[in-house]
Amino acid sequence: MSITWAKIIGQSPEFNLEARIFNGVCFLTALGTLFGTIGNLLLEAQQVAVLFTIVFGCMAVCYYYARVKQRFLTGVLLYMISTNILNFANFWYNSGVNGPALLIYTLSNFLVVSIIPKKQYLFWISLNVLIVLSLLLVQYRYPHLIPTEAVTNRFIRMGFVYCVTLVFIFQITKYIRESYNSERALVEKHAAELQIANETKNKLFSILAHDLQSPLSSIQNYLEVLSELRLDQDERQSFEKNLLTSTRGTKQMVSNLLLWSKAQMDGVKVNLAGVDVKRTVHEIFKTYYTIAAEKKITLSNQLEANGLISADKDMLQLIIRNLIDNAIKFTPPGGEIIIADEIAGDACCIVIKDSGIGIPVEQQASIFSLNAASTFGTKNEKGVGLGLVLCKEYIEMQDGKIRFESTPGVGTTFYVSFKLFARDDEKQIAAEAVAVYNL
């Protein structure tokens, strides 16, 4: 029913609220007068039946201009002129003050307030009041000019007009309230999105202004020391290792920053395919074995599953790199990092466990958000929290899940789940690719 009604009155944003209400009023008025015509014919009130037929025609014309031609102001002008003329005639031929004319005039005033442009309020409401007072004065001075009808017919007509008036007021008020609630919900949604955008902007500026500047300053200081001082071999090697660590951390930070910024501005395209987890992790481990060895951390690859998961390989590599990089950053020398897998039903869970310092309890609720505080690793490695935000977004884009368990002083375990890749998935992906190509 709501879909049919939306088609009758028009939909936003093609029609504004006033236009939609006006279209509904014209449609309901036309429908009501059609029944009124039939009712008056049954009551043998031919003059009133003719009047209702004219109203039906006027409402149909107004609806045509406002809904079909989308000429709202023209429709309103025709509506106001025709209703005032017809209300005048209705008062004259429908028992005057003893009939339903005043009730109809009251409804007209309510409709005026609901539909006409604000600038026209004073004119049309004043005209409506002036006509009503004039007709009352005429009937008071010359009561014989207003024809009367049988008491039974008058009561039937009063009851009918009352019911129609009540339906009109209920429908219009209900629609205004629903529209108001819908607009309010939309405003609240936009306000929430704006707040998130502001937080995102503030976080981005914070990273650019401080978190990114700090490691670059450290790199500059290392280079200045290396160029200006004569250092022995051990001191030089120590400085070079620190420089390499700082450069590596800065590179990872910049990479995450650029990828996350691109995702926020342009969106990210996900290319799901069958990905071999063991092979993908093995390629990443080649890089991190050396990094972990420099910090005297043991990397243990305990992946056993031979199946494929449904994932984007580039995204998966970024996720694993960030999680391993975090594990190395927050694991002290002599610690261990284990990566394993678990098959549960139609999903594969990749487990990355470290024996690091853990995540403070007060920070655990916000580690996947931009509200996470900047942190330092066990060797003063700087982190800005973007890595985990990026991981969560990328995992959810691939219909995956991520969670963690952490005990301060004991370690942290991350669980990343992806659906297993099946031939049916391959067919679906191929069909989607064909559909996109055809578009």
Protein backbone atom coordinates (compact mmCIF):
# COMPACT_ATOMS: atom_id res chain seq x y z
CA MET A 1 0.00 0.00 0.00
CA SER A 2 2.81 2.43 0.87
CA ILE A 3 4.44 1.85 -2.53
CA THR A 4 1.14 2.52 -4.32
CA TRP A 5 0.55 5.66 -2.27
CA ALA A 6 4.10 6.86 -3.02
CA LYS A 7 3.39 6.49 -6.74
CA ILE A 8 0.13 8.41 -6.38
CA ILE A 9 1.58 11.43 -4.56
CA GLY A 10 5.11 11.34 -6.00
CA GLN A 11 8.41 10.55 -4.37
CA SER A 12 11.19 12.61 -2.83
CA PRO A 13 13.35 14.35 -4.03
CA GLU A 14 11.34 14.79 -7.26
CA PHE A 15 8.46 16.27 -5.22
CA ASN A 16 8.96 18.26 -2.02
CA LEU A 17 6.82 17.69 1.08
CA GLU A 18 4.23 20.39 0.21
CA ALA A 19 3.84 19.02 -3.31
CA ARG A 20 3.37 15.46 -2.04
CA ILE A 21 0.73 16.59 0.48
CA PHE A 22 -1.06 18.60 -2.22
CA ASN A 23 -1.08 15.64 -4.61
CA GLY A 24 -2.54 13.48 -1.84
CA VAL A 25 -5.18 16.08 -1.00
CA CYS A 26 -6.28 16.38 -4.64
CA PHE A 27 -6.44 12.61 -5.03
CA LEU A 28 -8.39 12.05 -1.80
CA THR A 29 -10.71 14.98 -2.51
CA ALA A 30 -11.47 13.62 -5.96
CA LEU A 31 -12.13 10.20 -4.47
CA GLY A 32 -14.30 11.64 -1.67
CA THR A 33 -16.38 13.80 -4.01
CA LEU A 34 -16.91 10.82 -6.28
CA PHE A 35 -18.52 8.95 -3.39
CA GLY A 36 -20.31 12.19 -2.43
CA THR A 37 -21.84 12.44 -5.88
CA ILE A 38 -23.16 8.88 -5.62
CA GLY A 39 -24.50 9.52 -2.09
CA ASN A 40 -26.32 12.75 -3.06
CA LEU A 41 -27.89 11.05 -6.07
CA LEU A 42 -29.20 8.37 -3.72
CA LEU A 43 -30.58 11.14 -1.48
CA GLU A 44 -32.12 12.76 -4.58
CA ALA A 45 -30.12 15.97 -4.03
CA GLN A 46 -29.39 16.64 -7.69
CA GLN A 47 -27.99 20.14 -7.27
CA VAL A 48 -25.47 19.04 -4.63
CA ALA A 49 -24.61 15.97 -6.75
CA VAL A 50 -23.85 18.27 -9.69
CA LEU A 51 -21.70 20.43 -7.38
CA PHE A 52 -19.76 17.37 -6.19
CA THR A 53 -19.22 16.32 -9.80
CA ILE A 54 -17.75 19.74 -10.59
CA VAL A 55 -15.47 19.45 -7.53
CA PHE A 56 -14.35 16.03 -8.76
CA GLY A 57 -13.43 17.53 -12.15
CA CYS A 58 -11.57 20.46 -10.57
CA MET A 59 -9.56 18.15 -8.29
CA ALA A 60 -8.66 15.93 -11.24
CA VAL A 61 -7.35 18.96 -13.16
CA CYS A 62 -5.36 20.20 -10.15
CA TYR A 63 -3.87 16.73 -9.62
CA TYR A 64 -2.94 16.54 -13.30
CA TYR A 65 -1.06 19.84 -13.21
CA ALA A 66 0.68 19.17 -9.90
CA ARG A 67 1.51 15.44 -10.21
CA VAL A 68 1.73 14.73 -13.93
CA LYS A 69 2.92 18.12 -15.26
CA GLN A 70 4.85 18.83 -12.03
CA ARG A 71 3.57 22.42 -11.98
CA PHE A 72 2.88 22.67 -8.27
CA LEU A 73 2.13 26.42 -8.08
CA THR A 74 -0.30 26.24 -11.00
CA GLY A 75 -2.09 23.34 -9.36
CA VAL A 76 -2.31 25.20 -6.04
CA LEU A 77 -3.70 28.34 -7.72
CA LEU A 78 -6.39 26.35 -9.53
CA TYR A 79 -7.19 24.48 -6.34
CA MET A 80 -7.61 27.59 -4.22
CA ILE A 81 -9.75 29.41 -6.79
CA SER A 82 -12.00 26.42 -7.47
CA THR A 83 -12.45 25.44 -3.79
CA ASN A 84 -13.44 28.95 -2.75
CA ILE A 85 -16.01 29.17 -5.56
CA LEU A 86 -17.33 25.69 -4.89
CA ASN A 87 -17.45 26.22 -1.10
CA PHE A 88 -19.48 29.36 -1.72
CA ALA A 89 -21.93 27.42 -3.89
CA ASN A 90 -22.00 24.55 -1.41
CA PHE A 91 -23.00 26.93 1.41
CA TRP A 92 -25.75 28.38 -0.73
CA TYR A 93 -27.26 25.13 -1.95
CA ASN A 94 -26.49 22.89 1.03
CA SER A 95 -28.57 24.43 3.85
CA GLY A 96 -26.04 27.13 4.76
CA VAL A 97 -25.19 27.23 8.45
CA ASN A 98 -27.55 24.29 9.04
CA GLY A 99 -25.62 22.07 6.65
CA PRO A 100 -22.03 20.80 6.44
CA ALA A 101 -20.66 23.88 4.64
CA LEU A 102 -18.87 25.36 7.68
CA LEU A 103 -17.23 22.02 8.39
CA ILE A 104 -16.00 21.94 4.81
CA TYR A 105 -14.70 25.51 5.12
CA THR A 106 -12.79 24.53 8.28
CA LEU A 107 -11.26 21.62 6.40
CA SER A 108 -10.34 24.00 3.57
CA ASN A 109 -8.48 26.25 6.01
CA PHE A 110 -6.58 23.23 7.37
CA LEU A 111 -5.64 22.20 3.84
CA VAL A 112 -4.53 25.76 3.04
CA VAL A 113 -2.09 25.74 5.95
CA SER A 114 -0.81 22.29 4.89
CA ILE A 115 -0.13 22.87 1.21
CA ILE A 116 0.16 26.47 0.04
CA PRO A 117 3.51 28.32 -0.04
CA LYS A 118 4.21 30.32 3.10
CA LYS A 119 4.10 33.66 1.26
CA GLN A 120 0.45 33.04 0.30
CA TYR A 121 -0.83 32.13 3.79
CA LEU A 122 -2.18 35.55 4.70
CA PHE A 123 -4.04 36.11 1.43
CA TRP A 124 -5.84 32.76 1.16
CA ILE A 125 -6.68 32.40 4.86
CA SER A 126 -7.99 35.98 4.97
CA LEU A 127 -10.10 35.33 1.86
CA ASN A 128 -11.48 32.13 3.37
CA VAL A 129 -12.46 33.89 6.62
CA LEU A 130 -13.96 36.85 4.73
CA ILE A 131 -16.14 34.58 2.58
CA VAL A 132 -17.38 32.59 5.59
CA LEU A 133 -18.23 35.72 7.63
CA SER A 134 -19.96 37.28 4.62
CA LEU A 135 -22.10 34.20 4.01
CA LEU A 136 -23.03 34.01 7.71
CA LEU A 137 -24.03 37.66 7.65
CA VAL A 138 -26.15 37.18 4.52
CA GLN A 139 -27.96 34.19 5.98
CA TYR A 140 -28.49 36.07 9.25
CA ARG A 141 -30.01 39.06 7.45
CA TYR A 142 -31.80 37.16 4.70
CA PRO A 143 -32.46 33.61 5.91
CA HIS A 144 -35.11 32.99 3.24
CA LEU A 145 -32.41 33.10 0.51
CA ILE A 146 -30.80 29.85 1.74
CA PRO A 147 -32.87 26.77 0.83
CA THR A 148 -33.38 24.13 3.50
CA GLU A 149 -33.70 20.37 3.16
CA ALA A 150 -35.26 17.50 4.99
CA VAL A 151 -33.87 16.90 8.48
CA THR A 152 -32.97 13.28 7.70
CA ASN A 153 -30.98 14.18 4.60
CA ARG A 154 -29.21 16.99 6.47
CA PHE A 155 -28.12 14.68 9.27
CA ILE A 156 -26.93 12.02 6.81
CA ARG A 157 -24.93 14.63 4.88
CA MET A 158 -23.46 16.09 8.08
CA GLY A 159 -22.36 12.64 9.18
CA PHE A 160 -20.80 11.91 5.79
CA VAL A 161 -18.91 15.23 5.66
CA TYR A 162 -17.73 14.75 9.24
CA CYS A 163 -16.29 11.33 8.39
CA VAL A 164 -14.61 12.68 5.24
CA THR A 165 -13.18 15.63 7.18
CA LEU A 166 -11.84 13.32 9.87
CA VAL A 167 -10.20 11.04 7.29
CA PHE A 168 -8.58 14.03 5.57
CA ILE A 169 -7.21 15.50 8.79
CA PHE A 170 -5.97 12.09 9.96
CA GLN A 171 -4.26 11.22 6.68
CA ILE A 172 -2.57 14.61 6.25
CA THR A 173 -1.46 14.81 9.89
CA LYS A 174 -0.18 11.23 9.75
CA TYR A 175 1.75 11.92 6.57
CA ILE A 176 3.25 15.14 7.96
CA ARG A 177 4.36 13.33 11.14
CA GLU A 178 5.88 10.46 9.15
CA SER A 179 7.65 12.88 6.84
CA TYR A 180 8.91 14.88 9.82
CA ASN A 181 10.24 11.73 11.52
CA SER A 182 11.85 10.59 8.28
CA GLU A 183 13.51 13.97 7.74
CA ARG A 184 14.67 14.06 11.36
CA ALA A 185 16.18 10.58 11.06
CA LEU A 186 17.92 11.67 7.86
CA VAL A 187 19.28 14.80 9.55
CA GLU A 188 20.51 12.77 12.52
CA LYS A 189 22.18 10.32 10.14
CA HIS A 190 23.90 13.15 8.27
CA ALA A 191 24.96 14.71 11.57
CA ALA A 192 26.49 11.40 12.68
CA GLU A 193 28.27 11.04 9.33
CA LEU A 194 29.53 14.61 9.62
CA GLN A 195 30.84 13.94 13.10
CA ILE A 196 32.67 10.84 11.85
CA ALA A 197 34.07 12.85 8.94
CA ASN A 198 35.30 15.55 11.36
CA GLU A 199 36.91 12.94 13.59
CA THR A 200 38.53 11.40 10.53
CA LYS A 201 39.82 14.80 9.41
CA ASN A 202 41.18 15.58 12.88
CA LYS A 203 42.91 12.20 13.08
CA LEU A 204 44.41 12.69 9.64
CA PHE A 205 45.74 16.14 10.52
CA SER A 206 47.12 14.78 13.78
CA ILE A 207 49.02 12.10 11.90
CA LEU A 208 50.36 14.55 9.36
CA ALA A 209 51.22 17.22 11.92
CA HIS A 210 52.85 15.08 14.58
CA ASP A 211 52.92 11.33 14.17
CA LEU A 212 54.44 11.46 10.68
CA GLN A 213 56.71 14.40 11.44
CA SER A 214 58.26 12.73 14.48
CA PRO A 215 59.80 9.68 12.71
CA LEU A 216 60.95 11.84 9.81
CA SER A 217 62.72 14.12 12.28
CA SER A 218 64.38 11.06 13.82
CA ILE A 219 65.58 9.93 10.41
CA GLN A 220 66.95 13.41 9.75
CA ASN A 221 68.76 13.42 13.10
CA TYR A 222 70.30 9.99 12.42
CA LEU A 223 71.54 11.12 9.03
CA GLU A 224 72.99 14.34 10.46
CA VAL A 225 74.86 12.41 13.14
CA LEU A 226 76.20 9.91 10.60
CA SER A 227 77.39 12.69 8.30
CA GLU A 228 78.93 15.00 10.93
CA LEU A 229 80.54 12.63 13.44
CA ARG A 230 83.23 10.06 13.03
CA LEU A 231 81.86 6.91 14.53
CA ASP A 232 83.50 3.57 15.09
CA GLN A 233 82.09 0.50 13.38
CA ASP A 234 79.87 -0.60 16.27
CA GLU A 235 78.38 2.85 16.76
CA ARG A 236 77.75 3.23 13.04
CA GLN A 237 76.04 -0.14 12.87
CA SER A 238 73.87 0.77 15.86
CA PHE A 239 72.85 4.06 14.25
CA GLU A 240 72.16 2.35 10.92
CA LYS A 241 69.94 -0.27 12.59
CA ASN A 242 67.99 2.45 14.37
CA LEU A 243 67.71 4.37 11.11
CA LEU A 244 66.49 1.25 9.29
CA THR A 245 63.90 0.57 12.00
CA SER A 246 62.64 4.15 11.93
CA THR A 247 62.52 4.17 8.13
CA ARG A 248 60.69 0.84 8.03
CA GLY A 249 58.11 2.03 10.55
CA THR A 250 57.61 5.30 8.70
CA LYS A 251 57.14 3.47 5.41
CA GLN A 252 54.49 1.21 6.94
CA MET A 253 52.77 4.23 8.49
CA VAL A 254 52.73 6.15 5.19
CA SER A 255 51.52 3.08 3.31
CA ASN A 256 48.61 2.59 5.74
CA LEU A 257 47.82 6.29 5.66
CA LEU A 258 47.68 6.43 1.86
CA LEU A 259 45.64 3.24 1.54
CA TRP A 260 43.18 4.31 4.22
CA SER A 261 42.83 7.83 2.77
CA LYS A 262 42.21 6.38 -0.69
CA ALA A 263 39.58 4.02 0.73
CA GLN A 264 37.77 6.95 2.39
CA MET A 265 37.80 9.14 -0.73
CA ASP A 266 37.47 6.77 -3.69
CA GLY A 267 36.34 3.48 -2.23
CA VAL A 268 38.09 0.17 -2.72
CA LYS A 269 37.38 -2.52 -5.27
CA VAL A 270 37.42 -6.06 -3.88
CA ASN A 271 38.54 -8.87 -6.21
CA LEU A 272 37.54 -12.10 -4.51
CA ALA A 273 39.30 -15.27 -5.66
CA GLY A 274 40.66 -18.52 -4.28
CA VAL A 275 43.77 -17.64 -2.24
CA ASP A 276 46.28 -20.14 -0.82
CA VAL A 277 46.89 -18.94 2.75
CA LYS A 278 50.05 -21.01 3.31
CA ARG A 279 51.74 -19.67 0.19
CA THR A 280 50.67 -16.08 0.86
CA VAL A 281 51.92 -16.16 4.46
CA HIS A 282 55.17 -17.86 3.41
CA GLU A 283 55.89 -14.96 1.00
CA ILE A 284 55.29 -12.43 3.79
CA PHE A 285 57.40 -14.38 6.31
CA LYS A 286 60.43 -14.10 4.01
CA THR A 287 60.45 -10.36 4.76
CA TYR A 288 59.67 -10.53 8.45
CA TYR A 289 62.11 -13.32 9.44
CA THR A 290 64.98 -10.83 9.21
CA ILE A 291 63.05 -8.06 10.98
CA ALA A 292 62.06 -10.42 13.81
CA ALA A 293 65.62 -11.80 14.06
CA GLU A 294 66.98 -8.27 14.57
CA LYS A 295 64.74 -8.02 17.63
CA LYS A 296 65.52 -11.64 18.65
CA ILE A 297 61.91 -12.73 18.18
CA THR A 298 60.98 -16.18 16.93
CA LEU A 299 58.50 -16.39 14.05
CA SER A 300 56.69 -19.73 13.86
CA ASN A 301 54.61 -20.69 10.83
CA GLN A 302 52.21 -23.45 11.88
CA LEU A 303 49.71 -23.22 9.02
CA GLU A 304 48.43 -26.65 8.04
CA ALA A 305 45.24 -26.23 6.00
CA ASN A 306 45.65 -26.91 2.27
CA GLY A 307 42.37 -25.40 1.05
CA LEU A 308 41.73 -22.01 -0.49
CA ILE A 309 39.91 -19.12 1.10
CA SER A 310 37.67 -16.61 -0.64
CA ALA A 311 39.65 -13.37 -0.39
CA ASP A 312 41.40 -10.56 -2.23
CA LYS A 313 45.07 -11.54 -2.27
CA ASP A 314 46.44 -7.99 -2.09
CA MET A 315 44.14 -7.14 0.81
CA LEU A 316 44.99 -10.38 2.59
CA GLN A 317 48.71 -9.63 2.31
CA LEU A 318 48.19 -6.15 3.74
CA ILE A 319 46.15 -7.55 6.64
CA ILE A 320 48.73 -10.23 7.51
CA ARG A 321 51.61 -7.74 7.18
CA ASN A 322 49.95 -5.27 9.55
CA LEU A 323 49.12 -7.91 12.15
CA ILE A 324 52.61 -9.43 12.06
CA ASP A 325 54.19 -5.98 12.11
CA ASN A 326 52.12 -5.09 15.20
CA ALA A 327 53.04 -8.39 16.86
CA ILE A 328 56.77 -7.72 16.31
CA LYS A 329 56.40 -4.13 17.47
CA PHE A 330 54.79 -5.06 20.80
CA THR A 331 56.73 -8.25 21.54
CA PRO A 332 59.91 -7.85 23.60
CA PRO A 333 63.22 -9.52 22.61
CA GLY A 334 63.15 -13.24 23.24
CA GLY A 335 59.42 -13.47 22.53
CA GLU A 336 57.58 -15.64 20.02
CA ILE A 337 54.97 -15.01 17.32
CA ILE A 338 52.91 -17.91 16.02
CA ILE A 339 50.65 -17.95 12.99
CA ALA A 340 48.31 -20.91 12.65
CA ASP A 341 44.93 -21.79 11.17
CA GLU A 342 41.73 -23.49 12.18
CA ILE A 343 38.98 -24.86 9.91
CA ALA A 344 35.48 -24.49 11.34
CA GLY A 345 32.62 -25.43 9.04
CA ASP A 346 32.83 -23.41 5.84
CA ALA A 347 35.36 -20.91 7.23
CA CYS A 348 39.09 -20.75 7.80
CA CYS A 349 40.36 -18.83 10.82
CA ILE A 350 43.89 -17.43 10.67
CA VAL A 351 45.37 -17.08 14.17
CA ILE A 352 48.23 -14.69 14.92
CA LYS A 353 49.46 -15.05 18.50
CA ASP A 354 52.27 -13.17 20.21
CA SER A 355 53.87 -13.21 23.66
CA GLY A 356 54.02 -9.42 23.79
CA ILE A 357 53.01 -6.75 26.25
CA GLY A 358 49.31 -7.08 25.41
CA ILE A 359 46.72 -4.35 24.97
CA PRO A 360 45.72 -2.26 28.00
CA VAL A 361 42.17 -3.06 29.08
CA GLU A 362 41.05 0.57 28.77
CA GLN A 363 42.19 0.66 25.11
CA GLN A 364 40.72 -2.65 23.95
CA ALA A 365 37.28 -1.26 23.09
CA SER A 366 38.70 1.32 20.66
CA ILE A 367 41.58 -0.40 18.88
CA PHE A 368 39.57 -0.78 15.65
CA SER A 369 38.57 2.88 15.58
CA LEU A 370 40.24 6.21 14.91
CA ASN A 371 39.84 6.99 18.60
CA ALA A 372 42.67 4.62 19.43
CA ALA A 373 45.61 6.40 21.01
CA SER A 374 49.08 6.44 19.46
CA THR A 375 51.32 3.79 21.00
CA PHE A 376 54.98 2.85 21.24
CA GLY A 377 56.42 -0.61 20.78
CA THR A 378 58.95 -2.36 23.01
CA LYS A 379 61.77 -0.62 21.11
CA ASN A 380 59.99 2.73 20.95
CA GLU A 381 58.48 1.95 17.54
CA LYS A 382 55.74 4.50 16.87
CA GLY A 383 52.22 3.41 15.91
CA VAL A 384 49.18 5.55 15.07
CA GLY A 385 46.47 2.90 15.09
CA LEU A 386 45.61 3.11 11.39
CA GLY A 387 46.81 -0.44 10.66
CA LEU A 388 44.07 -2.15 12.66
CA VAL A 389 41.40 0.25 11.32
CA LEU A 390 42.49 -0.63 7.79
CA CYS A 391 42.58 -4.36 8.61
CA LYS A 392 39.02 -4.32 9.97
CA GLU A 393 37.65 -2.40 6.98
CA TYR A 394 39.38 -4.68 4.46
CA ILE A 395 38.33 -7.85 6.27
CA GLU A 396 34.67 -6.81 6.39
CA MET A 397 34.78 -5.85 2.70
CA GLN A 398 35.67 -9.49 1.99
CA ASP A 399 32.80 -10.74 4.17
CA GLY A 400 35.28 -11.80 6.84
CA LYS A 401 35.49 -11.26 10.59
CA ILE A 402 38.21 -10.18 13.02
CA ARG A 403 38.40 -10.39 16.80
CA PHE A 404 41.10 -10.55 19.41
CA GLU A 405 41.96 -11.70 22.91
CA SER A 406 44.57 -9.87 24.93
CA THR A 407 46.00 -10.09 28.43
CA PRO A 408 48.32 -7.27 29.48
CA GLY A 409 51.81 -8.63 30.17
CA VAL A 410 50.99 -12.02 28.57
CA GLY A 411 50.24 -11.39 24.90
CA THR A 412 47.63 -10.86 22.22
CA THR A 413 45.91 -13.22 19.78
CA PHE A 414 44.08 -12.03 16.67
CA TYR A 415 41.56 -14.25 14.89
CA VAL A 416 40.79 -13.47 11.23
CA SER A 417 38.09 -15.60 9.56
CA PHE A 418 37.38 -15.98 5.84
CA LYS A 419 34.99 -18.25 4.00
CA LEU A 420 36.50 -21.28 2.31
CA PHE A 421 36.64 -20.98 -1.45
CA ALA A 422 34.49 -23.44 -3.39
CA ARG A 423 33.79 -23.95 -7.07
CA ASP A 424 30.35 -22.42 -6.55
CA ASP A 425 32.08 -19.24 -5.41
CA GLU A 426 34.20 -19.31 -8.54
CA LYS A 427 31.10 -19.57 -10.72
CA GLN A 428 29.39 -16.75 -8.84
CA ILE A 429 32.44 -14.49 -9.16
CA ALA A 430 32.67 -15.29 -12.89
CA ALA A 431 28.95 -14.50 -13.32
CA GLU A 432 29.36 -11.19 -11.48
CA ALA A 433 32.35 -10.34 -13.65
CA VAL A 434 30.31 -11.05 -16.82
CA ALA A 435 27.44 -8.92 -15.49
CA VAL A 436 29.79 -6.00 -14.78
CA TYR A 437 31.34 -6.38 -18.24
CA ASN A 438 27.92 -6.36 -19.89
CA LEU A 439 27.04 -3.14 -18.05
